[in-house]
Amino acid sequence: MTLADFEAAAAAKRPLPAGVPALLNALWRDATGDWDGAHMLAQEVDTREGAWVHAYLHRKEGDISNAHYWYRRADRPPADGELDDERRAIVAALLAE
């Protein structure tokens, strides 16, 4: 899967292929308007990448202090750019693994 494939699936609300990792599914849910479903999946993944997704979601929610906590857990500086750009960056990083 490429970033373009992910973005196309999200835009069309077309499910991702079977076997896609939980964090990509979380970001797909977020991109399709299901913040709660995205958050539920993200909080189940106890890794730096999971913390990054969790931070992004709380930033999107507007809970900046909580987002900063999760950025620290992810060992990343707090993001301040466009939310869609951050989501794409996370997806690209996850796809590169």
C-alpha atoms as a PDB file:
ATOM      1  CA  MET A   1       0.000   0.000   0.000  1.00  0.00           C
ATOM      2  CA  THR A   2       1.173   3.515  -0.771  1.00  0.00           C
ATOM      3  CA  LEU A   3       0.219   6.836   0.747  1.00  0.00           C
ATOM      4  CA  ALA A   4      -1.816   7.556  -2.392  1.00  0.00           C
ATOM      5  CA  ASP A   5      -3.667   4.221  -1.959  1.00  0.00           C
ATOM      6  CA  PHE A   6      -4.414   5.093   1.668  1.00  0.00           C
ATOM      7  CA  GLU A   7      -5.652   8.583   0.789  1.00  0.00           C
ATOM      8  CA  ALA A   8      -7.854   7.219  -2.021  1.00  0.00           C
ATOM      9  CA  ALA A   9      -9.370   4.591   0.287  1.00  0.00           C
ATOM     10  CA  ALA A  10     -10.070   7.220   2.936  1.00  0.00           C
ATOM     11  CA  ALA A  11     -11.599   9.667   0.444  1.00  0.00           C
ATOM     12  CA  ALA A  12     -13.894   6.940  -0.912  1.00  0.00           C
ATOM     13  CA  LYS A  13     -14.498   5.498   2.588  1.00  0.00           C
ATOM     14  CA  ARG A  14     -13.359   2.203   1.095  1.00  0.00           C
ATOM     15  CA  PRO A  15     -12.090  -0.222   3.753  1.00  0.00           C
ATOM     16  CA  LEU A  16      -8.388  -0.953   3.881  1.00  0.00           C
ATOM     17  CA  PRO A  17      -7.163  -4.429   2.902  1.00  0.00           C
ATOM     18  CA  ALA A  18      -7.226  -7.182   5.500  1.00  0.00           C
ATOM     19  CA  GLY A  19      -4.137  -7.393   7.638  1.00  0.00           C
ATOM     20  CA  VAL A  20      -3.388  -3.659   7.689  1.00  0.00           C
ATOM     21  CA  PRO A  21      -1.921  -2.721  11.099  1.00  0.00           C
ATOM     22  CA  ALA A  22      -4.164  -1.202  13.751  1.00  0.00           C
ATOM     23  CA  LEU A  23      -2.533   2.237  13.612  1.00  0.00           C
ATOM     24  CA  LEU A  24      -3.178   2.572   9.879  1.00  0.00           C
ATOM     25  CA  ASN A  25      -6.752   1.503  10.492  1.00  0.00           C
ATOM     26  CA  ALA A  26      -6.978   4.127  13.249  1.00  0.00           C
ATOM     27  CA  LEU A  27      -5.765   6.848  10.888  1.00  0.00           C
ATOM     28  CA  TRP A  28      -8.155   5.622   8.168  1.00  0.00           C
ATOM     29  CA  ARG A  29     -11.039   5.871  10.655  1.00  0.00           C
ATOM     30  CA  ASP A  30      -9.959   9.385  11.572  1.00  0.00           C
ATOM     31  CA  ALA A  31      -9.707  10.381   7.914  1.00  0.00           C
ATOM     32  CA  THR A  32     -13.232   9.078   7.322  1.00  0.00           C
ATOM     33  CA  GLY A  33     -14.723  10.977  10.261  1.00  0.00           C
ATOM     34  CA  ASP A  34     -14.667   8.296  12.966  1.00  0.00           C
ATOM     35  CA  TRP A  35     -12.503  10.005  15.615  1.00  0.00           C
ATOM     36  CA  ASP A  36     -13.861   7.815  18.422  1.00  0.00           C
ATOM     37  CA  GLY A  37     -13.069   4.609  16.535  1.00  0.00           C
ATOM     38  CA  ALA A  38      -9.620   5.938  15.687  1.00  0.00           C
ATOM     39  CA  HIS A  39      -8.942   6.814  19.320  1.00  0.00           C
ATOM     40  CA  MET A  40     -10.135   3.412  20.513  1.00  0.00           C
ATOM     41  CA  LEU A  41      -7.674   1.661  18.193  1.00  0.00           C
ATOM     42  CA  ALA A  42      -4.772   4.006  18.901  1.00  0.00           C
ATOM     43  CA  GLN A  43      -4.970   3.650  22.656  1.00  0.00           C
ATOM     44  CA  GLU A  44      -4.571  -0.113  22.306  1.00  0.00           C
ATOM     45  CA  VAL A  45      -1.096   0.196  20.721  1.00  0.00           C
ATOM     46  CA  ASP A  46       1.563   0.805  23.376  1.00  0.00           C
ATOM     47  CA  THR A  47       4.469   1.853  21.149  1.00  0.00           C
ATOM     48  CA  ARG A  48       6.073   5.165  20.190  1.00  0.00           C
ATOM     49  CA  GLU A  49       4.118   5.044  16.938  1.00  0.00           C
ATOM     50  CA  GLY A  50       0.910   4.436  18.881  1.00  0.00           C
ATOM     51  CA  ALA A  51       1.717   7.413  21.083  1.00  0.00           C
ATOM     52  CA  TRP A  52       2.298   9.549  17.966  1.00  0.00           C
ATOM     53  CA  VAL A  53      -1.110   8.621  16.553  1.00  0.00           C
ATOM     54  CA  HIS A  54      -2.659   9.218  19.976  1.00  0.00           C
ATOM     55  CA  ALA A  55      -0.975  12.661  20.165  1.00  0.00           C
ATOM     56  CA  TYR A  56      -2.244  13.599  16.706  1.00  0.00           C
ATOM     57  CA  LEU A  57      -5.786  12.556  17.639  1.00  0.00           C
ATOM     58  CA  HIS A  58      -5.804  14.607  20.834  1.00  0.00           C
ATOM     59  CA  ARG A  59      -4.387  17.597  18.957  1.00  0.00           C
ATOM     60  CA  LYS A  60      -7.204  17.226  16.445  1.00  0.00           C
ATOM     61  CA  GLU A  61      -9.686  17.004  19.320  1.00  0.00           C
ATOM     62  CA  GLY A  62      -8.297  20.260  20.681  1.00  0.00           C
ATOM     63  CA  ASP A  63      -6.959  18.725  23.903  1.00  0.00           C
ATOM     64  CA  ILE A  64      -3.487  20.242  23.526  1.00  0.00           C
ATOM     65  CA  SER A  65      -2.150  19.415  26.988  1.00  0.00           C
ATOM     66  CA  ASN A  66      -3.065  15.752  26.521  1.00  0.00           C
ATOM     67  CA  ALA A  67      -1.602  15.834  23.013  1.00  0.00           C
ATOM     68  CA  HIS A  68       1.678  17.176  24.429  1.00  0.00           C
ATOM     69  CA  TYR A  69       1.781  14.293  26.914  1.00  0.00           C
ATOM     70  CA  TRP A  70       1.460  11.812  24.047  1.00  0.00           C
ATOM     71  CA  TYR A  71       4.057  13.615  21.925  1.00  0.00           C
ATOM     72  CA  ARG A  72       6.471  13.198  24.851  1.00  0.00           C
ATOM     73  CA  ARG A  73       5.604   9.485  25.014  1.00  0.00           C
ATOM     74  CA  ALA A  74       6.269   9.284  21.263  1.00  0.00           C
ATOM     75  CA  ASP A  75       9.601  11.072  21.734  1.00  0.00           C
ATOM     76  CA  ARG A  76       8.503  13.700  19.204  1.00  0.00           C
ATOM     77  CA  PRO A  77       8.168  17.458  19.349  1.00  0.00           C
ATOM     78  CA  PRO A  78       4.569  18.698  19.416  1.00  0.00           C
ATOM     79  CA  ALA A  79       3.255  19.287  15.913  1.00  0.00           C
ATOM     80  CA  ASP A  80       1.810  22.660  15.009  1.00  0.00           C
ATOM     81  CA  GLY A  81       1.198  22.406  11.275  1.00  0.00           C
ATOM     82  CA  GLU A  82      -1.904  21.378   9.398  1.00  0.00           C
ATOM     83  CA  LEU A  83      -3.613  18.302  10.827  1.00  0.00           C
ATOM     84  CA  ASP A  84      -3.961  16.631   7.428  1.00  0.00           C
ATOM     85  CA  ASP A  85      -0.228  17.076   6.842  1.00  0.00           C
ATOM     86  CA  GLU A  86       0.570  15.439  10.150  1.00  0.00           C
ATOM     87  CA  ARG A  87      -1.782  12.531   9.430  1.00  0.00           C
ATOM     88  CA  ARG A  88      -0.116  12.023   6.040  1.00  0.00           C
ATOM     89  CA  ALA A  89       3.334  12.126   7.664  1.00  0.00           C
ATOM     90  CA  ILE A  90       2.318   9.490  10.201  1.00  0.00           C
ATOM     91  CA  VAL A  91       0.797   7.272   7.513  1.00  0.00           C
ATOM     92  CA  ALA A  92       3.931   7.604   5.370  1.00  0.00           C
ATOM     93  CA  ALA A  93       6.138   6.700   8.351  1.00  0.00           C
ATOM     94  CA  LEU A  94       3.991   3.678   9.209  1.00  0.00           C
ATOM     95  CA  LEU A  95       3.993   2.497   5.603  1.00  0.00           C
ATOM     96  CA  ALA A  96       7.788   2.779   5.462  1.00  0.00           C
ATOM     97  CA  GLU A  97       8.228   0.333   8.364  1.00  0.00           C
END
